[in-house]
Amino acid sequence: MRPRLFASTALLSALLLSGAGAWAQPLGLPSLNSQADSTQGDVLSAEQAFILLPPALSAIKTEDKPEEKQLTLHWQIAPGYYLYRDQIRISDAQGQSLKAEIPQGKTLTDAFFGTVQVFHQQLAVQVALPTRAEQWPLQLQWQGCAEIGVCYPAQQASVTTQQLRLNLDTEPENAAPASAPPQSAAHWLALPPSVLLGPIALPTMALIVFIALFASQWWARRLQLRSGQPVESALLQATIAGLLGARLTYVAQWWPEYGSESTADHLSGLLRMFDIRDGGWNLWAGVLAALFWTLWRSRQQAALRRGSLQALAVGTLILIAGYAMRTWPATQNMPLPRTPFVNAAAQTVDLSSYKGQPLVINLWASWCPPCKREMPVMAQAQKEHPGVRFVWINQGEDAAKVMRYLQTMPLPASQVLLDPQQLASQHWQQRGLPSTYFYDASGQLQGMRMGELSRASLAEHLRGIAPASTKTRDSGPRIQP
């Protein structure tokens, strides 16, 4: 009997881990400098071919001064395109050229400018930082061509002190860094959203479920050896009853999201009821279902009832404690990243500018299958909820790959952001894709989901940040990976 129970428990654990994890892909992304196929069916626009990433400040030491600030400008160049070294011009607001360190490029005989130096893939330029307010904003100019013989007009942009968060008038030279606020006990008890086990990224809550299942089964085995009652079998049945109750209750609560008008879509919605990759579970309904099954199963056997309830209590306490630590308020106090990003329309975007409206931020990559599956769901939700702003931040891929993918999945170019250095993943300490974050209109994080979203699970999260934008019924707490 024991080998059969062990095999059933192992199979159930694998099912829960795969479902709760929603097949989240580990964030082992291809290198930014990886070679891509330069053969393109359509010629990119200048904004797509040459992307100026958000400027950044850095500090250097010189002989004259112990420390001096400088500006770093970074261009991302699509495969099959190049920038001219001699056409890069950087000046202040008064038209004076600034001292810039431009690396040597590759020598090329060009049909437009003769023998020139050009840059492929990327270019980083260091610029001496102006110290007088009247020298700002800085003026930038660059020009490039495609290898197939198309040359673009010069592009221009400006860099302001606001972009760099630089205050030339009030910033003291030797200002002491602000002390970090003291961290409460809740901060140390809060669990991270995900953990990395070798090449596998799993939501923390999925591991909590796994631990609760095996801890309760281990305790049931001890009680069974002591009492001679089939506690293991009763606990396994209660666990299955709890899982069915948690899932069926969740489906009932969000039934409008699983049904549709056409027969084909209705059948698809019915099949989605069994797709547990969306993480749709009602925690309290599952606990009650497991409890009622245990009481009914052992209604005529007091010894079996005591042992089953003890084993069930072990797993339930671990599950509830893990759920509380994962959803602790301290984990929700994560502000929006301060780093500005560049969108697919070659515009600089600061996420803090979206305060005042509910915000959904999705981290994705074109190589991630769950990201591709959930993107149509999110794109449709953006159309249905115009009061909520959806933002898709690509992780670690160059602009050319993103643009090619957007040809197959139409999204608003202003809402697709590029993050080749994965700064967003670092900010949220996330290790898997897809990951989605839900902020209310005041800029407070109200929920997150690592793994694939369905229409139901997305609608549940949207209700948490914009109740007026959803028409689904209220649902109780659920296990949220």
Protein backbone atom coordinates (compact mmCIF):
# COMPACT_ATOMS: atom_id res chain seq x y z
CA MET A 1 0.00 0.00 0.00
CA ARG A 2 2.78 2.41 0.88
CA PRO A 3 4.53 2.38 -2.55
CA ARG A 4 1.22 3.12 -4.23
CA LEU A 5 0.54 6.01 -1.86
CA PHE A 6 4.06 7.34 -2.35
CA ALA A 7 3.66 7.23 -6.12
CA SER A 8 0.30 9.02 -5.87
CA THR A 9 1.79 11.70 -3.64
CA ALA A 10 4.74 12.21 -5.98
CA LEU A 11 2.43 12.49 -9.00
CA LEU A 12 0.20 14.97 -7.19
CA SER A 13 3.22 17.04 -6.16
CA ALA A 14 4.52 17.18 -9.72
CA LEU A 15 1.09 18.26 -10.93
CA LEU A 16 0.87 21.01 -8.31
CA LEU A 17 4.37 22.28 -8.96
CA SER A 18 3.84 22.45 -12.70
CA GLY A 19 0.42 24.04 -12.33
CA ALA A 20 1.24 26.51 -9.59
CA GLY A 21 4.41 27.46 -11.38
CA ALA A 22 2.42 28.03 -14.58
CA TRP A 23 5.41 26.80 -16.53
CA ALA A 24 7.33 29.97 -15.62
CA GLN A 25 10.51 30.19 -17.64
CA PRO A 26 13.81 30.82 -15.77
CA LEU A 27 15.30 34.19 -16.53
CA GLY A 28 18.38 32.84 -18.35
CA LEU A 29 18.25 35.28 -21.18
CA PRO A 30 20.31 35.42 -24.37
CA SER A 31 23.13 37.93 -24.38
CA LEU A 32 22.46 41.42 -25.64
CA ASN A 33 25.39 41.05 -28.02
CA SER A 34 24.28 37.76 -29.49
CA GLN A 35 24.27 37.70 -33.25
CA ALA A 36 20.88 37.83 -34.91
CA ASP A 37 19.79 37.21 -38.43
CA SER A 38 20.37 40.45 -40.27
CA THR A 39 18.10 39.51 -43.13
CA GLN A 40 14.91 41.47 -42.62
CA GLY A 41 11.84 41.59 -44.75
CA ASP A 42 11.13 45.26 -43.98
CA VAL A 43 13.48 48.18 -43.48
CA LEU A 44 13.28 49.53 -39.94
CA SER A 45 12.60 53.15 -39.23
CA ALA A 46 15.45 55.28 -37.91
CA GLU A 47 13.87 55.22 -34.43
CA GLN A 48 13.80 51.41 -34.50
CA ALA A 49 17.26 50.93 -36.01
CA PHE A 50 19.13 53.29 -33.66
CA ILE A 51 17.75 53.43 -30.13
CA LEU A 52 19.22 55.84 -27.62
CA LEU A 53 18.88 54.20 -24.22
CA PRO A 54 18.16 56.30 -21.11
CA PRO A 55 21.29 58.33 -20.22
CA ALA A 56 23.04 57.53 -16.96
CA LEU A 57 25.46 59.27 -14.60
CA SER A 58 28.74 57.78 -13.43
CA ALA A 59 31.72 58.97 -11.42
CA ILE A 60 35.38 58.95 -12.52
CA LYS A 61 38.61 59.95 -10.82
CA THR A 62 41.00 62.36 -12.50
CA GLU A 63 44.34 63.89 -11.58
CA ASP A 64 42.83 67.36 -11.08
CA LYS A 65 39.76 66.28 -9.12
CA PRO A 66 39.32 63.28 -6.82
CA GLU A 67 35.93 62.53 -8.37
CA GLU A 68 34.06 63.94 -11.34
CA LYS A 69 30.68 63.09 -12.76
CA GLN A 70 30.26 62.13 -16.38
CA LEU A 71 27.38 61.25 -18.65
CA THR A 72 27.12 57.88 -20.41
CA LEU A 73 25.16 57.72 -23.67
CA HIS A 74 24.37 54.28 -25.03
CA TRP A 75 22.96 53.50 -28.47
CA GLN A 76 21.51 50.10 -29.33
CA ILE A 77 21.92 49.35 -33.04
CA ALA A 78 19.78 46.79 -34.84
CA PRO A 79 21.50 43.98 -36.81
CA GLY A 80 22.18 45.06 -40.40
CA TYR A 81 22.53 48.76 -39.50
CA TYR A 82 25.41 51.02 -38.45
CA LEU A 83 26.08 54.49 -37.02
CA TYR A 84 28.64 56.97 -38.35
CA ARG A 85 31.30 58.02 -35.87
CA ASP A 86 31.82 61.43 -37.46
CA GLN A 87 28.10 62.24 -37.37
CA ILE A 88 27.80 62.02 -33.58
CA ARG A 89 27.62 65.53 -32.15
CA ILE A 90 27.04 66.48 -28.53
CA SER A 91 26.69 70.12 -27.47
CA ASP A 92 25.23 72.17 -24.63
CA ALA A 93 22.24 74.52 -24.82
CA GLN A 94 24.54 77.34 -26.01
CA GLY A 95 25.76 75.33 -28.98
CA GLN A 96 29.23 74.63 -27.57
CA SER A 97 30.60 71.15 -28.26
CA LEU A 98 31.20 69.06 -25.18
CA LYS A 99 34.24 66.92 -24.54
CA ALA A 100 33.26 63.35 -25.42
CA GLU A 101 35.13 60.06 -25.48
CA ILE A 102 33.97 58.24 -28.62
CA PRO A 103 35.66 54.87 -29.22
CA GLN A 104 37.22 53.93 -32.53
CA GLY A 105 34.85 52.27 -34.95
CA LYS A 106 35.21 49.87 -37.83
CA THR A 107 36.60 51.34 -41.06
CA LEU A 108 34.15 51.17 -43.93
CA THR A 109 33.98 52.55 -47.47
CA ASP A 110 30.53 54.10 -47.58
CA ALA A 111 28.62 55.17 -50.69
CA PHE A 112 27.45 58.35 -48.95
CA PHE A 113 30.48 59.62 -47.00
CA GLY A 114 33.45 57.69 -48.45
CA THR A 115 35.92 56.10 -46.01
CA VAL A 116 34.40 56.39 -42.54
CA GLN A 117 34.31 54.69 -39.18
CA VAL A 118 31.06 53.06 -38.15
CA PHE A 119 29.60 51.19 -35.19
CA HIS A 120 27.52 48.00 -35.21
CA GLN A 121 25.30 46.48 -32.49
CA GLN A 122 25.98 49.10 -29.80
CA LEU A 123 27.88 52.27 -28.96
CA ALA A 124 28.75 53.84 -25.60
CA VAL A 125 29.98 57.43 -25.39
CA GLN A 126 31.31 59.18 -22.27
CA VAL A 127 30.59 62.92 -22.03
CA ALA A 128 31.95 65.48 -19.56
CA LEU A 129 29.04 66.72 -17.46
CA PRO A 130 28.31 70.48 -17.69
CA THR A 131 28.16 72.20 -14.29
CA ARG A 132 26.26 75.40 -15.14
CA ALA A 133 22.50 75.48 -15.34
CA GLU A 134 22.51 77.61 -18.50
CA GLN A 135 24.30 74.80 -20.37
CA TRP A 136 21.26 72.53 -20.07
CA PRO A 137 19.53 70.79 -21.82
CA LEU A 138 22.21 69.01 -23.84
CA GLN A 139 21.69 68.54 -27.57
CA LEU A 140 22.50 65.22 -29.30
CA GLN A 141 22.71 64.31 -32.97
CA TRP A 142 23.53 61.05 -34.73
CA GLN A 143 23.08 59.47 -38.15
CA GLY A 144 23.22 55.96 -39.56
CA CYS A 145 22.50 53.71 -42.51
CA ALA A 146 21.32 50.21 -43.34
CA GLU A 147 23.72 47.76 -44.96
CA ILE A 148 21.29 47.27 -47.83
CA GLY A 149 22.00 50.87 -48.92
CA VAL A 150 19.33 52.96 -47.17
CA CYS A 151 20.63 56.07 -45.38
CA TYR A 152 18.62 57.98 -42.79
CA PRO A 153 18.53 61.71 -42.02
CA ALA A 154 20.21 62.87 -38.84
CA GLN A 155 18.32 62.19 -35.61
CA GLN A 156 18.25 64.55 -32.69
CA ALA A 157 17.42 64.37 -28.99
CA SER A 158 17.97 66.35 -25.83
CA VAL A 159 19.04 65.40 -22.31
CA THR A 160 17.65 67.37 -19.37
CA THR A 161 18.60 67.57 -15.72
CA GLN A 162 15.18 66.13 -14.87
CA GLN A 163 16.00 62.93 -16.79
CA LEU A 164 19.16 62.52 -14.71
CA ARG A 165 17.51 63.70 -11.49
CA LEU A 166 20.26 66.26 -11.22
CA ASN A 167 19.82 69.47 -9.23
CA LEU A 168 22.67 71.83 -10.13
CA ASP A 169 21.56 74.58 -7.76
CA THR A 170 20.90 72.73 -4.52
CA GLU A 171 22.95 69.52 -4.69
CA PRO A 172 25.82 69.71 -2.13
CA GLU A 173 29.15 68.35 -3.25
CA ASN A 174 29.70 66.19 -0.19
CA ALA A 175 26.16 65.39 0.77
CA ALA A 176 25.85 62.47 3.14
CA PRO A 177 23.74 59.62 1.78
CA ALA A 178 20.30 59.39 3.27
CA SER A 179 20.01 56.65 5.85
CA ALA A 180 17.72 53.80 4.91
CA PRO A 181 14.56 53.52 7.00
CA PRO A 182 14.67 50.81 9.65
CA GLN A 183 13.30 47.53 8.45
CA SER A 184 10.59 45.93 10.55
CA ALA A 185 10.26 42.28 11.48
CA ALA A 186 7.59 41.94 8.80
CA HIS A 187 10.20 42.77 6.17
CA TRP A 188 12.46 39.91 7.26
CA LEU A 189 9.58 37.44 7.50
CA ALA A 190 8.22 38.26 4.05
CA LEU A 191 9.02 35.67 1.38
CA PRO A 192 10.35 36.55 -2.09
CA PRO A 193 8.04 36.00 -5.07
CA SER A 194 10.17 33.24 -6.60
CA VAL A 195 13.18 31.01 -6.02
CA LEU A 196 15.68 29.55 -8.44
CA LEU A 197 16.42 25.82 -8.14
CA GLY A 198 19.19 25.16 -10.63
CA PRO A 199 17.78 25.96 -14.08
CA ILE A 200 14.17 25.99 -12.79
CA ALA A 201 12.42 29.12 -11.53
CA LEU A 202 9.43 28.42 -9.28
CA PRO A 203 6.99 30.67 -7.44
CA THR A 204 7.61 30.57 -3.72
CA MET A 205 4.01 29.58 -3.05
CA ALA A 206 4.42 26.51 -5.24
CA LEU A 207 7.23 25.32 -2.99
CA ILE A 208 5.13 26.05 0.10
CA VAL A 209 2.40 23.79 -1.29
CA PHE A 210 4.99 21.10 -1.99
CA ILE A 211 6.42 21.33 1.54
CA ALA A 212 2.96 21.30 3.14
CA LEU A 213 1.97 18.22 1.16
CA PHE A 214 5.01 16.16 2.08
CA ALA A 215 5.15 17.34 5.70
CA SER A 216 1.55 16.30 6.29
CA GLN A 217 2.11 12.98 4.52
CA TRP A 218 5.21 12.33 6.64
CA TRP A 219 3.25 13.02 9.83
CA ALA A 220 0.40 10.82 8.62
CA ARG A 221 2.87 7.97 8.10
CA ARG A 222 4.10 8.29 11.69
CA LEU A 223 0.57 8.27 13.06
CA GLN A 224 -0.35 5.29 10.91
CA LEU A 225 2.58 3.24 12.24
CA ARG A 226 1.56 4.12 15.76
CA SER A 227 -2.20 3.54 15.51
CA GLY A 228 -2.51 1.03 12.69
CA GLN A 229 -5.18 3.20 11.04
CA PRO A 230 -5.00 4.07 7.28
CA VAL A 231 -4.14 7.73 7.98
CA GLU A 232 -2.01 8.12 4.84
CA SER A 233 -4.80 7.02 2.54
CA ALA A 234 -7.34 9.25 4.29
CA LEU A 235 -5.02 12.26 4.07
CA LEU A 236 -4.35 11.72 0.37
CA GLN A 237 -8.08 11.56 -0.30
CA ALA A 238 -8.61 14.73 1.75
CA THR A 239 -5.87 16.49 -0.22
CA ILE A 240 -7.48 15.58 -3.53
CA ALA A 241 -10.86 16.73 -2.22
CA GLY A 242 -9.29 20.01 -1.10
CA LEU A 243 -7.68 20.62 -4.48
CA LEU A 244 -10.95 19.91 -6.30
CA GLY A 245 -12.84 22.19 -3.95
CA ALA A 246 -10.30 24.99 -4.32
CA ARG A 247 -10.33 24.80 -8.12
CA LEU A 248 -14.07 24.32 -8.63
CA THR A 249 -14.89 27.18 -6.26
CA TYR A 250 -12.51 29.45 -8.12
CA VAL A 251 -14.03 28.48 -11.49
CA ALA A 252 -17.53 29.11 -10.14
CA GLN A 253 -16.54 32.53 -8.83
CA TRP A 254 -15.05 33.56 -12.17
CA TRP A 255 -17.36 31.60 -14.43
CA PRO A 256 -18.09 34.53 -16.81
CA GLU A 257 -14.41 34.49 -17.81
CA TYR A 258 -14.53 30.81 -18.79
CA GLY A 259 -17.64 30.98 -21.01
CA SER A 260 -18.35 32.82 -24.25
CA GLU A 261 -21.04 33.15 -26.91
CA SER A 262 -19.74 30.93 -29.73
CA THR A 263 -19.71 27.15 -29.41
CA ALA A 264 -16.01 26.83 -30.25
CA ASP A 265 -14.98 29.48 -27.74
CA HIS A 266 -17.35 28.00 -25.16
CA LEU A 267 -15.65 24.62 -25.53
CA SER A 268 -12.27 26.30 -25.21
CA GLY A 269 -13.46 28.01 -22.04
CA LEU A 270 -14.59 24.69 -20.59
CA LEU A 271 -11.18 23.19 -21.31
CA ARG A 272 -9.52 26.16 -19.60
CA MET A 273 -11.31 25.14 -16.42
CA PHE A 274 -8.87 22.21 -16.19
CA ASP A 275 -5.79 24.29 -17.05
CA ILE A 276 -4.35 24.94 -13.59
CA ARG A 277 -1.36 26.79 -15.00
CA ASP A 278 -3.18 30.07 -14.31
CA GLY A 279 -2.80 29.52 -10.55
CA GLY A 280 -6.55 29.80 -9.93
CA TRP A 281 -7.28 28.31 -6.49
CA ASN A 282 -9.50 29.40 -3.60
CA LEU A 283 -7.51 28.69 -0.45
CA TRP A 284 -10.29 28.71 2.12
CA ALA A 285 -12.65 26.64 -0.01
CA GLY A 286 -9.91 24.03 -0.40
CA VAL A 287 -9.25 23.89 3.35
CA LEU A 288 -12.96 23.48 4.12
CA ALA A 289 -13.39 20.80 1.44
CA ALA A 290 -10.47 18.80 2.86
CA LEU A 291 -11.83 19.18 6.40
CA PHE A 292 -15.35 18.06 5.50
CA TRP A 293 -14.04 15.06 3.56
CA THR A 294 -11.86 14.03 6.50
CA LEU A 295 -14.77 14.22 8.93
CA TRP A 296 -17.05 12.26 6.61
CA ARG A 297 -14.38 9.66 5.80
CA SER A 298 -13.70 8.94 9.48
CA ARG A 299 -17.20 9.47 10.86
CA GLN A 300 -17.32 5.99 12.38
CA GLN A 301 -13.64 5.67 13.38
CA ALA A 302 -12.52 8.00 16.16
CA ALA A 303 -8.84 6.93 16.00
CA LEU A 304 -8.69 7.49 12.27
CA ARG A 305 -10.42 10.85 12.66
CA ARG A 306 -7.88 12.06 15.25
CA GLY A 307 -4.90 10.99 13.14
CA SER A 308 -6.28 12.40 9.88
CA LEU A 309 -7.14 15.75 11.47
CA GLN A 310 -3.66 16.01 13.00
CA ALA A 311 -1.94 15.31 9.69
CA LEU A 312 -4.28 17.66 7.87
CA ALA A 313 -3.59 20.39 10.46
CA VAL A 314 0.17 20.11 9.85
CA GLY A 315 -0.18 20.75 6.13
CA THR A 316 -2.84 23.44 6.60
CA LEU A 317 -0.75 25.42 9.09
CA ILE A 318 2.27 25.35 6.79
CA LEU A 319 0.11 26.42 3.86
CA ILE A 320 -1.58 29.30 5.69
CA ALA A 321 1.69 30.48 7.25
CA GLY A 322 3.39 30.46 3.86
CA TYR A 323 0.45 32.29 2.28
CA ALA A 324 0.55 34.96 5.01
CA MET A 325 4.32 35.45 4.68
CA ARG A 326 4.11 35.60 0.90
CA THR A 327 1.32 38.19 0.93
CA TRP A 328 2.69 40.12 3.91
CA PRO A 329 2.14 43.88 3.56
CA ALA A 330 5.91 44.43 3.54
CA THR A 331 6.15 42.63 0.22
CA GLN A 332 3.62 45.01 -1.31
CA ASN A 333 5.60 48.17 -0.45
CA MET A 334 7.67 48.05 -3.63
CA PRO A 335 7.62 51.33 -5.57
CA LEU A 336 7.85 51.58 -9.33
CA PRO A 337 11.36 51.48 -10.81
CA ARG A 338 12.95 54.91 -11.14
CA THR A 339 14.94 53.91 -14.20
CA PRO A 340 13.45 55.39 -17.39
CA PHE A 341 12.99 52.98 -20.29
CA VAL A 342 12.79 53.37 -24.06
CA ASN A 343 9.61 52.18 -25.75
CA ALA A 344 9.19 50.60 -29.18
CA ALA A 345 8.45 54.06 -30.58
CA ALA A 346 11.95 55.21 -29.48
CA GLN A 347 10.53 57.44 -26.73
CA THR A 348 11.83 57.65 -23.17
CA VAL A 349 9.22 56.51 -20.63
CA ASP A 350 9.30 56.97 -16.86
CA LEU A 351 6.91 54.54 -15.13
CA SER A 352 6.23 57.05 -12.35
CA SER A 353 4.45 59.19 -14.95
CA TYR A 354 1.62 56.61 -14.92
CA LYS A 355 0.66 57.40 -11.33
CA GLY A 356 -2.95 58.40 -11.12
CA GLN A 357 -4.27 55.38 -13.00
CA PRO A 358 -4.13 51.62 -12.34
CA LEU A 359 -1.05 50.05 -13.90
CA VAL A 360 -0.29 46.48 -15.01
CA ILE A 361 3.38 45.75 -15.75
CA ASN A 362 4.28 42.53 -17.55
CA LEU A 363 7.87 41.26 -17.86
CA TRP A 364 8.26 39.07 -20.94
CA ALA A 365 10.53 37.79 -23.69
CA SER A 366 9.84 36.46 -27.17
CA TRP A 367 11.55 33.12 -26.37
CA CYS A 368 9.17 32.48 -23.43
CA PRO A 369 6.18 30.22 -24.40
CA PRO A 370 3.94 31.23 -21.44
CA CYS A 371 4.59 34.89 -22.29
CA LYS A 372 3.30 34.29 -25.83
CA ARG A 373 0.24 32.42 -24.61
CA GLU A 374 -0.87 35.08 -22.14
CA MET A 375 -0.13 38.13 -24.30
CA PRO A 376 -3.37 37.94 -26.35
CA VAL A 377 -5.31 37.75 -23.09
CA MET A 378 -3.60 40.89 -21.78
CA ALA A 379 -3.94 42.71 -25.10
CA GLN A 380 -7.68 42.01 -25.10
CA ALA A 381 -7.94 43.15 -21.48
CA GLN A 382 -6.32 46.46 -22.40
CA LYS A 383 -9.07 47.02 -24.98
CA GLU A 384 -11.79 46.07 -22.51
CA HIS A 385 -10.37 48.22 -19.67
CA PRO A 386 -9.18 51.53 -21.15
CA GLY A 387 -8.94 53.01 -17.65
CA VAL A 388 -6.09 50.60 -16.81
CA ARG A 389 -2.69 51.11 -18.41
CA PHE A 390 -0.89 47.91 -19.47
CA VAL A 391 2.89 48.06 -19.99
CA TRP A 392 4.96 45.22 -21.45
CA ILE A 393 8.68 45.38 -20.54
CA ASN A 394 10.84 43.08 -22.67
CA GLN A 395 13.71 41.48 -20.77
CA GLY A 396 17.18 41.15 -22.29
CA GLU A 397 16.43 41.17 -26.02
CA ASP A 398 17.60 43.66 -28.63
CA ALA A 399 15.24 46.02 -30.38
CA ALA A 400 15.29 44.11 -33.68
CA LYS A 401 13.94 40.92 -32.05
CA VAL A 402 11.26 42.86 -30.23
CA MET A 403 10.17 44.65 -33.41
CA ARG A 404 9.97 41.40 -35.35
CA TYR A 405 7.85 39.82 -32.62
CA LEU A 406 5.52 42.82 -32.49
CA GLN A 407 4.75 42.25 -36.17
CA THR A 408 3.03 39.00 -35.13
CA MET A 409 1.50 40.35 -31.90
CA PRO A 410 0.24 43.91 -32.44
CA LEU A 411 0.65 45.96 -29.28
CA PRO A 412 0.73 49.75 -28.76
CA ALA A 413 4.32 50.75 -29.48
CA SER A 414 4.23 53.36 -26.72
CA GLN A 415 3.39 50.64 -24.16
CA VAL A 416 6.13 48.14 -25.11
CA LEU A 417 9.36 49.01 -23.31
CA LEU A 418 12.89 47.75 -23.93
CA ASP A 419 15.02 46.59 -21.02
CA PRO A 420 18.16 44.94 -22.46
CA GLN A 421 19.97 45.07 -19.10
CA GLN A 422 17.05 43.45 -17.20
CA LEU A 423 16.84 46.32 -14.73
CA ALA A 424 13.15 45.65 -14.10
CA SER A 425 13.83 42.04 -13.07
CA GLN A 426 16.56 43.25 -10.73
CA HIS A 427 14.24 45.83 -9.19
CA TRP A 428 11.54 43.27 -8.36
CA GLN A 429 14.10 40.52 -7.58
CA GLN A 430 12.33 38.29 -10.05
CA ARG A 431 13.91 35.12 -11.47
CA GLY A 432 11.30 33.84 -13.90
CA LEU A 433 9.12 34.89 -16.81
CA PRO A 434 6.41 35.85 -17.31
CA SER A 435 5.92 38.04 -14.25
CA THR A 436 3.14 40.57 -13.87
CA TYR A 437 2.76 43.37 -11.29
CA PHE A 438 -0.47 45.19 -10.44
CA TYR A 439 -0.31 48.77 -9.11
CA ASP A 440 -3.30 50.85 -8.06
CA ALA A 441 -3.83 54.50 -9.01
CA SER A 442 -1.79 55.69 -6.01
CA GLY A 443 1.27 53.71 -7.12
CA GLN A 444 0.98 50.97 -4.49
CA LEU A 445 1.69 47.36 -5.44
CA GLN A 446 -1.48 45.36 -4.82
CA GLY A 447 -0.53 42.00 -6.29
CA MET A 448 1.82 40.05 -8.51
CA ARG A 449 1.76 36.87 -10.50
CA MET A 450 4.71 34.80 -11.67
CA GLY A 451 3.56 32.55 -14.46
CA GLU A 452 0.85 32.50 -17.09
CA LEU A 453 -2.33 34.52 -16.62
CA SER A 454 -5.74 33.41 -17.85
CA ARG A 455 -8.75 35.66 -18.38
CA ALA A 456 -10.02 34.64 -14.93
CA SER A 457 -6.83 35.20 -12.96
CA LEU A 458 -6.19 38.48 -14.79
CA ALA A 459 -9.73 39.68 -14.06
CA GLU A 460 -9.24 38.83 -10.39
CA HIS A 461 -6.10 40.94 -10.16
CA LEU A 462 -7.71 43.79 -12.10
CA ARG A 463 -10.55 43.86 -9.61
CA GLY A 464 -7.94 44.44 -6.89
CA ILE A 465 -6.54 47.61 -8.50
CA ALA A 466 -9.60 48.95 -10.34
CA PRO A 467 -12.87 47.55 -8.94
CA ALA A 468 -14.99 49.73 -11.22
CA SER A 469 -13.30 48.33 -14.33
CA THR A 470 -14.43 44.73 -13.79
CA LYS A 471 -17.95 43.27 -13.68
CA THR A 472 -17.09 39.85 -12.25
CA ARG A 473 -18.26 38.72 -8.87
CA ASP A 474 -16.21 38.92 -5.70
CA SER A 475 -13.99 35.96 -4.88
CA GLY A 476 -12.32 34.91 -1.70
CA PRO A 477 -8.60 34.52 -0.98
CA ARG A 478 -6.75 32.08 -3.17
CA ILE A 479 -3.35 30.46 -3.31
CA GLN A 480 -1.33 33.04 -5.22
CA PRO A 481 2.07 31.87 -6.49
